[in-house]
Amino acid sequence: MVPTLEVLTIPEISTRIAELEARAGASADQLRRRADQYELSQEGQSILRKLEDLNYLQEHAGR
């Protein structure tokens, strides 16, 4: 498998976060709470991982 590098702008990161939260029907915080209670599906876990990655990028983009 060949790694893929994607370059995202800050607005694109925000858009992706909104799309993933809409797909999950919950915010990242709500998904984290569900994960803490072992109530998150595999798809939900995948979405949460992507959201956490995007949130990290968003927080550190201005540095």
Protein backbone atom coordinates (compact mmCIF):
# COMPACT_ATOMS: atom_id res chain seq x y z
CA MET A 1 0.00 0.00 0.00
CA VAL A 2 1.31 3.42 -0.96
CA PRO A 3 0.94 6.20 1.63
CA THR A 4 -1.12 9.19 0.56
CA LEU A 5 -0.34 12.73 1.62
CA GLU A 6 -3.17 15.22 1.65
CA VAL A 7 -2.71 18.95 2.16
CA LEU A 8 -5.71 20.65 3.76
CA THR A 9 -6.41 24.30 4.46
CA ILE A 10 -7.91 25.30 7.80
CA PRO A 11 -11.37 25.83 6.21
CA GLU A 12 -11.13 22.37 4.61
CA ILE A 13 -10.32 20.85 8.00
CA SER A 14 -13.38 22.56 9.51
CA THR A 15 -15.55 21.30 6.66
CA ARG A 16 -14.30 17.74 7.09
CA ILE A 17 -14.99 17.88 10.84
CA ALA A 18 -18.55 19.09 10.20
CA GLU A 19 -19.11 16.36 7.58
CA LEU A 20 -17.87 13.61 9.89
CA GLU A 21 -19.94 14.85 12.82
CA ALA A 22 -23.02 14.97 10.57
CA ARG A 23 -22.31 11.45 9.34
CA ALA A 24 -22.00 10.21 12.92
CA GLY A 25 -24.96 12.24 14.12
CA ALA A 26 -22.88 13.35 17.10
CA SER A 27 -20.05 15.68 18.05
CA ALA A 28 -16.54 14.46 18.79
CA ASP A 29 -17.21 14.96 22.52
CA GLN A 30 -20.36 12.84 22.35
CA LEU A 31 -18.50 10.13 20.45
CA ARG A 32 -15.72 10.18 23.06
CA ARG A 33 -18.27 9.72 25.85
CA ARG A 34 -19.82 6.79 23.99
CA ALA A 35 -16.37 5.29 23.49
CA ASP A 36 -15.66 5.64 27.22
CA GLN A 37 -18.84 3.67 27.89
CA TYR A 38 -17.96 1.03 25.24
CA GLU A 39 -21.08 2.05 23.29
CA LEU A 40 -19.42 3.05 20.03
CA SER A 41 -19.71 0.98 16.84
CA GLN A 42 -16.69 0.24 14.68
CA GLU A 43 -17.79 2.94 12.24
CA GLY A 44 -18.17 5.37 15.15
CA GLN A 45 -14.66 4.50 16.34
CA SER A 46 -13.28 5.12 12.87
CA ILE A 47 -15.03 8.49 12.65
CA LEU A 48 -13.79 9.44 16.13
CA ARG A 49 -10.18 8.64 15.16
CA LYS A 50 -10.51 10.83 12.05
CA LEU A 51 -12.09 13.64 14.07
CA GLU A 52 -9.31 13.51 16.65
CA ASP A 53 -6.69 13.66 13.89
CA LEU A 54 -8.42 16.63 12.25
CA ASN A 55 -8.87 18.43 15.58
CA TYR A 56 -5.15 17.97 16.28
CA LEU A 57 -4.27 19.44 12.89
CA GLN A 58 -6.67 22.32 13.40
CA GLU A 59 -5.23 23.15 16.83
CA HIS A 60 -1.64 23.09 15.58
CA ALA A 61 -2.13 24.62 12.12
CA GLY A 62 -1.31 28.15 13.22
CA ARG A 63 2.02 27.27 14.80
